[in-house]
């Protein structure tokens, strides 16, 4: 786990050596994460967005699976959000949630106690 810890060691001594003990502080940093976003379709008809499925995956450079929440955003507007399960998550749009046109969306992972936050590359979703 990430955080600050005190590590201590001691030796009770024996007939050849005196007893001794020592402690020191150890800091374990959070692990980098990587977030990806995939679309089920690159283009959807207006009003049919409910079928669009976003798939997010968050992986860690080392250690266990990231936990916490992931959001899909268009600019600063959240399109959908949920809690990760085993490092991945899916969500779908609501009908007529996005207007006609091209929409640049990305996934944003907020991090957790052991993993740093990360964002996916932007992908384009076209509503026709």
C-alpha atoms as a PDB file:
ATOM      1  CA  UNK A   1       0.000   0.000   0.000  1.00  0.00           C
ATOM      2  CA  UNK A   2       1.099   3.557  -0.666  1.00  0.00           C
ATOM      3  CA  UNK A   3       1.885   5.771   2.314  1.00  0.00           C
ATOM      4  CA  UNK A   4       4.503   6.481   4.978  1.00  0.00           C
ATOM      5  CA  UNK A   5       5.686   3.714   7.245  1.00  0.00           C
ATOM      6  CA  UNK A   6       8.190   3.166  10.043  1.00  0.00           C
ATOM      7  CA  UNK A   7      10.363   0.092   9.621  1.00  0.00           C
ATOM      8  CA  UNK A   8      12.176  -1.242  12.674  1.00  0.00           C
ATOM      9  CA  UNK A   9      14.687  -4.028  13.204  1.00  0.00           C
ATOM     10  CA  UNK A  10      16.240  -5.269  16.395  1.00  0.00           C
ATOM     11  CA  UNK A  11      18.718  -7.865  17.561  1.00  0.00           C
ATOM     12  CA  UNK A  12      18.567  -9.141  21.133  1.00  0.00           C
ATOM     13  CA  UNK A  13      22.283  -9.807  21.241  1.00  0.00           C
ATOM     14  CA  UNK A  14      24.186 -12.965  22.093  1.00  0.00           C
ATOM     15  CA  UNK A  15      27.462 -13.997  23.662  1.00  0.00           C
ATOM     16  CA  UNK A  16      29.412 -12.518  20.738  1.00  0.00           C
ATOM     17  CA  UNK A  17      27.432  -9.387  19.835  1.00  0.00           C
ATOM     18  CA  UNK A  18      25.693  -6.600  21.740  1.00  0.00           C
ATOM     19  CA  UNK A  19      22.009  -5.955  21.258  1.00  0.00           C
ATOM     20  CA  UNK A  20      21.004  -3.248  18.810  1.00  0.00           C
ATOM     21  CA  UNK A  21      17.945  -1.751  17.184  1.00  0.00           C
ATOM     22  CA  UNK A  22      17.286   0.737  14.446  1.00  0.00           C
ATOM     23  CA  UNK A  23      14.233   2.259  12.834  1.00  0.00           C
ATOM     24  CA  UNK A  24      13.764   4.353   9.725  1.00  0.00           C
ATOM     25  CA  UNK A  25      10.923   5.933   7.762  1.00  0.00           C
ATOM     26  CA  UNK A  26       9.879   4.499   4.412  1.00  0.00           C
ATOM     27  CA  UNK A  27       7.608   6.204   1.887  1.00  0.00           C
ATOM     28  CA  UNK A  28       5.819   4.107  -0.724  1.00  0.00           C
ATOM     29  CA  UNK A  29       4.583   6.180  -3.661  1.00  0.00           C
ATOM     30  CA  UNK A  30       1.381   5.654  -5.614  1.00  0.00           C
ATOM     31  CA  UNK A  31       1.712   3.651  -8.846  1.00  0.00           C
ATOM     32  CA  UNK A  32       1.106   5.211 -12.265  1.00  0.00           C
ATOM     33  CA  UNK A  33      -2.090   4.165 -14.018  1.00  0.00           C
ATOM     34  CA  UNK A  34      -3.126   4.113 -17.668  1.00  0.00           C
ATOM     35  CA  UNK A  35      -6.686   4.652 -18.896  1.00  0.00           C
ATOM     36  CA  UNK A  36      -8.158   3.648 -22.259  1.00  0.00           C
ATOM     37  CA  UNK A  37     -11.576   4.378 -23.776  1.00  0.00           C
ATOM     38  CA  UNK A  38     -13.231   2.425 -26.595  1.00  0.00           C
ATOM     39  CA  UNK A  39     -16.524   3.075 -28.393  1.00  0.00           C
ATOM     40  CA  UNK A  40     -18.840   0.318 -29.588  1.00  0.00           C
ATOM     41  CA  UNK A  41     -19.601   2.450 -32.684  1.00  0.00           C
ATOM     42  CA  UNK A  42     -17.905   5.557 -34.056  1.00  0.00           C
ATOM     43  CA  UNK A  43     -21.162   6.910 -35.517  1.00  0.00           C
ATOM     44  CA  UNK A  44     -24.770   6.641 -34.266  1.00  0.00           C
ATOM     45  CA  UNK A  45     -28.089   8.067 -35.391  1.00  0.00           C
ATOM     46  CA  UNK A  46     -29.572  10.807 -33.192  1.00  0.00           C
ATOM     47  CA  UNK A  47     -32.070   9.359 -30.734  1.00  0.00           C
ATOM     48  CA  UNK A  48     -30.380   5.951 -30.914  1.00  0.00           C
ATOM     49  CA  UNK A  49     -27.502   6.831 -28.559  1.00  0.00           C
ATOM     50  CA  UNK A  50     -28.848   4.486 -25.899  1.00  0.00           C
ATOM     51  CA  UNK A  51     -27.087   1.670 -27.762  1.00  0.00           C
ATOM     52  CA  UNK A  52     -23.657   3.364 -27.627  1.00  0.00           C
ATOM     53  CA  UNK A  53     -21.435   1.586 -25.142  1.00  0.00           C
ATOM     54  CA  UNK A  54     -18.277   3.131 -23.702  1.00  0.00           C
ATOM     55  CA  UNK A  55     -15.699   0.659 -22.423  1.00  0.00           C
ATOM     56  CA  UNK A  56     -13.012   1.977 -20.079  1.00  0.00           C
ATOM     57  CA  UNK A  57     -10.023   0.064 -18.795  1.00  0.00           C
ATOM     58  CA  UNK A  58      -7.581   1.247 -16.141  1.00  0.00           C
ATOM     59  CA  UNK A  59      -4.327  -0.630 -15.660  1.00  0.00           C
ATOM     60  CA  UNK A  60      -1.543  -0.108 -13.169  1.00  0.00           C
ATOM     61  CA  UNK A  61       2.180  -0.093 -13.930  1.00  0.00           C
ATOM     62  CA  UNK A  62       2.593  -2.556 -11.026  1.00  0.00           C
ATOM     63  CA  UNK A  63       0.563  -3.988  -8.197  1.00  0.00           C
ATOM     64  CA  UNK A  64      -3.129  -4.715  -7.839  1.00  0.00           C
ATOM     65  CA  UNK A  65      -6.124  -3.583  -9.828  1.00  0.00           C
ATOM     66  CA  UNK A  66      -7.085   0.089  -9.577  1.00  0.00           C
ATOM     67  CA  UNK A  67     -10.308   0.897  -7.744  1.00  0.00           C
ATOM     68  CA  UNK A  68     -12.468   3.999  -7.611  1.00  0.00           C
ATOM     69  CA  UNK A  69     -14.472   5.813 -10.249  1.00  0.00           C
ATOM     70  CA  UNK A  70     -14.080   6.555 -13.945  1.00  0.00           C
ATOM     71  CA  UNK A  71     -15.939   9.289 -15.834  1.00  0.00           C
ATOM     72  CA  UNK A  72     -16.526   9.762 -19.539  1.00  0.00           C
ATOM     73  CA  UNK A  73     -16.424  13.463 -20.313  1.00  0.00           C
ATOM     74  CA  UNK A  74     -17.097  15.744 -23.236  1.00  0.00           C
ATOM     75  CA  UNK A  75     -15.022  18.790 -22.349  1.00  0.00           C
ATOM     76  CA  UNK A  76     -15.909  19.397 -18.698  1.00  0.00           C
ATOM     77  CA  UNK A  77     -19.371  17.787 -18.923  1.00  0.00           C
ATOM     78  CA  UNK A  78     -19.756  14.276 -17.519  1.00  0.00           C
ATOM     79  CA  UNK A  79     -21.463  11.923 -19.966  1.00  0.00           C
ATOM     80  CA  UNK A  80     -21.478   8.938 -17.579  1.00  0.00           C
ATOM     81  CA  UNK A  81     -19.663   7.714 -14.482  1.00  0.00           C
ATOM     82  CA  UNK A  82     -19.356   4.508 -12.461  1.00  0.00           C
ATOM     83  CA  UNK A  83     -17.159   2.508 -10.132  1.00  0.00           C
ATOM     84  CA  UNK A  84     -14.432   0.271 -11.540  1.00  0.00           C
ATOM     85  CA  UNK A  85     -14.773  -3.471 -11.199  1.00  0.00           C
ATOM     86  CA  UNK A  86     -11.502  -5.373 -11.666  1.00  0.00           C
ATOM     87  CA  UNK A  87      -9.982  -2.427 -13.526  1.00  0.00           C
ATOM     88  CA  UNK A  88     -12.686  -2.068 -16.182  1.00  0.00           C
ATOM     89  CA  UNK A  89     -16.130  -0.595 -16.606  1.00  0.00           C
ATOM     90  CA  UNK A  90     -18.791   0.093 -19.214  1.00  0.00           C
ATOM     91  CA  UNK A  91     -21.619   2.607 -19.549  1.00  0.00           C
ATOM     92  CA  UNK A  92     -24.055   3.619 -22.240  1.00  0.00           C
ATOM     93  CA  UNK A  93     -25.549   6.903 -23.335  1.00  0.00           C
ATOM     94  CA  UNK A  94     -29.153   7.855 -22.726  1.00  0.00           C
ATOM     95  CA  UNK A  95     -31.361   8.494 -25.748  1.00  0.00           C
ATOM     96  CA  UNK A  96     -30.827  12.018 -27.134  1.00  0.00           C
ATOM     97  CA  UNK A  97     -28.119  12.726 -24.516  1.00  0.00           C
ATOM     98  CA  UNK A  98     -25.804  14.251 -27.134  1.00  0.00           C
ATOM     99  CA  UNK A  99     -26.885  16.534 -29.984  1.00  0.00           C
ATOM    100  CA  UNK A 100     -26.107  15.900 -33.648  1.00  0.00           C
ATOM    101  CA  UNK A 101     -22.478  16.493 -34.570  1.00  0.00           C
ATOM    102  CA  UNK A 102     -19.009  15.279 -33.652  1.00  0.00           C
ATOM    103  CA  UNK A 103     -18.241  14.881 -29.975  1.00  0.00           C
ATOM    104  CA  UNK A 104     -14.740  14.505 -28.542  1.00  0.00           C
ATOM    105  CA  UNK A 105     -14.941  12.344 -25.425  1.00  0.00           C
ATOM    106  CA  UNK A 106     -12.356  10.927 -23.033  1.00  0.00           C
ATOM    107  CA  UNK A 107     -12.238   8.827 -19.876  1.00  0.00           C
ATOM    108  CA  UNK A 108     -10.851  10.196 -16.609  1.00  0.00           C
ATOM    109  CA  UNK A 109      -9.788   7.928 -13.737  1.00  0.00           C
ATOM    110  CA  UNK A 110      -9.670   9.727 -10.381  1.00  0.00           C
ATOM    111  CA  UNK A 111      -7.076   7.484  -8.737  1.00  0.00           C
ATOM    112  CA  UNK A 112      -7.274   5.667  -5.408  1.00  0.00           C
ATOM    113  CA  UNK A 113      -5.120   5.126  -2.328  1.00  0.00           C
ATOM    114  CA  UNK A 114      -2.492   3.224  -4.331  1.00  0.00           C
ATOM    115  CA  UNK A 115      -2.854   4.474  -7.925  1.00  0.00           C
ATOM    116  CA  UNK A 116      -2.404   7.896  -9.536  1.00  0.00           C
ATOM    117  CA  UNK A 117      -5.146   9.410 -11.691  1.00  0.00           C
ATOM    118  CA  UNK A 118      -4.951   9.176 -15.495  1.00  0.00           C
ATOM    119  CA  UNK A 119      -6.905  10.139 -18.608  1.00  0.00           C
ATOM    120  CA  UNK A 120      -7.453   8.333 -21.886  1.00  0.00           C
ATOM    121  CA  UNK A 121      -6.786   9.745 -25.319  1.00  0.00           C
ATOM    122  CA  UNK A 122      -9.729  11.603 -26.834  1.00  0.00           C
ATOM    123  CA  UNK A 123     -11.967   9.658 -29.213  1.00  0.00           C
ATOM    124  CA  UNK A 124     -14.593  11.102 -31.555  1.00  0.00           C
ATOM    125  CA  UNK A 125     -18.214   9.999 -31.465  1.00  0.00           C
ATOM    126  CA  UNK A 126     -20.371  11.214 -34.352  1.00  0.00           C
ATOM    127  CA  UNK A 127     -24.121  11.670 -33.865  1.00  0.00           C
ATOM    128  CA  UNK A 128     -25.903  11.852 -37.251  1.00  0.00           C
END
